[in-house]
């Protein structure tokens, strides 16, 4: 059975609202993808890193 996605709380780099990003705890050691903010609809660069001690998420602006 595959584990459920984990929610990582982050701040939108555009509007500053607190948002939750769902990430799978299992996968490549690092990945990046584009996802839109559910509040302001601007595109984020989502960077996910998976280590032995857990998953870390960083949101960047798509225009950086």
Protein backbone atom coordinates (compact mmCIF):
# COMPACT_ATOMS: atom_id res chain seq x y z
CA UNK A 1 0.00 0.00 0.00
CA UNK A 2 1.37 3.41 -1.00
CA UNK A 3 1.50 6.09 1.74
CA UNK A 4 -0.72 9.15 1.53
CA UNK A 5 0.64 12.50 0.39
CA UNK A 6 2.02 14.75 3.10
CA UNK A 7 0.96 18.37 3.39
CA UNK A 8 3.77 20.92 3.66
CA UNK A 9 2.74 24.39 4.85
CA UNK A 10 4.50 27.18 2.94
CA UNK A 11 4.03 30.87 2.14
CA UNK A 12 3.20 31.83 -1.43
CA UNK A 13 6.19 33.76 -2.83
CA UNK A 14 3.76 36.13 -4.62
CA UNK A 15 0.82 36.92 -2.31
CA UNK A 16 2.33 35.77 1.02
CA UNK A 17 -0.68 33.63 1.94
CA UNK A 18 -0.06 30.43 3.90
CA UNK A 19 -0.80 27.45 1.63
CA UNK A 20 -0.51 23.69 1.84
CA UNK A 21 1.42 21.78 -0.82
CA UNK A 22 0.73 18.04 -1.04
CA UNK A 23 3.85 15.97 -1.72
CA UNK A 24 4.40 12.24 -1.91
CA UNK A 25 6.86 11.01 0.73
CA UNK A 26 8.18 8.42 -1.73
CA UNK A 27 9.76 9.30 -5.06
CA UNK A 28 12.93 10.69 -6.59
CA UNK A 29 15.44 12.22 -4.15
CA UNK A 30 14.66 15.61 -5.67
CA UNK A 31 12.16 16.96 -8.15
CA UNK A 32 10.80 20.26 -9.42
CA UNK A 33 7.48 21.11 -11.00
CA UNK A 34 5.13 24.04 -11.59
CA UNK A 35 1.95 24.45 -9.53
CA UNK A 36 -0.44 27.39 -9.30
CA UNK A 37 -1.23 29.14 -6.01
CA UNK A 38 -4.82 28.32 -4.95
CA UNK A 39 -5.18 31.90 -3.63
CA UNK A 40 -3.66 34.22 -6.26
CA UNK A 41 -3.30 31.71 -9.16
CA UNK A 42 0.34 32.70 -9.87
CA UNK A 43 2.74 29.85 -10.85
CA UNK A 44 5.24 28.51 -8.31
CA UNK A 45 8.39 26.51 -8.92
CA UNK A 46 7.96 23.71 -6.39
CA UNK A 47 11.23 22.06 -5.34
CA UNK A 48 10.90 18.83 -3.36
CA UNK A 49 13.82 17.06 -1.64
CA UNK A 50 13.48 13.67 0.01
CA UNK A 51 16.00 12.65 2.64
CA UNK A 52 16.08 9.92 5.28
CA UNK A 53 14.75 12.40 7.84
CA UNK A 54 11.77 13.51 5.73
CA UNK A 55 10.58 15.65 2.87
CA UNK A 56 11.39 19.34 2.42
CA UNK A 57 9.53 21.71 0.11
CA UNK A 58 10.59 25.10 -1.22
CA UNK A 59 8.42 27.42 -3.31
CA UNK A 60 10.02 29.81 -5.77
CA UNK A 61 8.62 32.40 -8.12
CA UNK A 62 8.22 31.35 -11.73
CA UNK A 63 9.61 34.74 -12.87
CA UNK A 64 12.91 34.42 -10.95
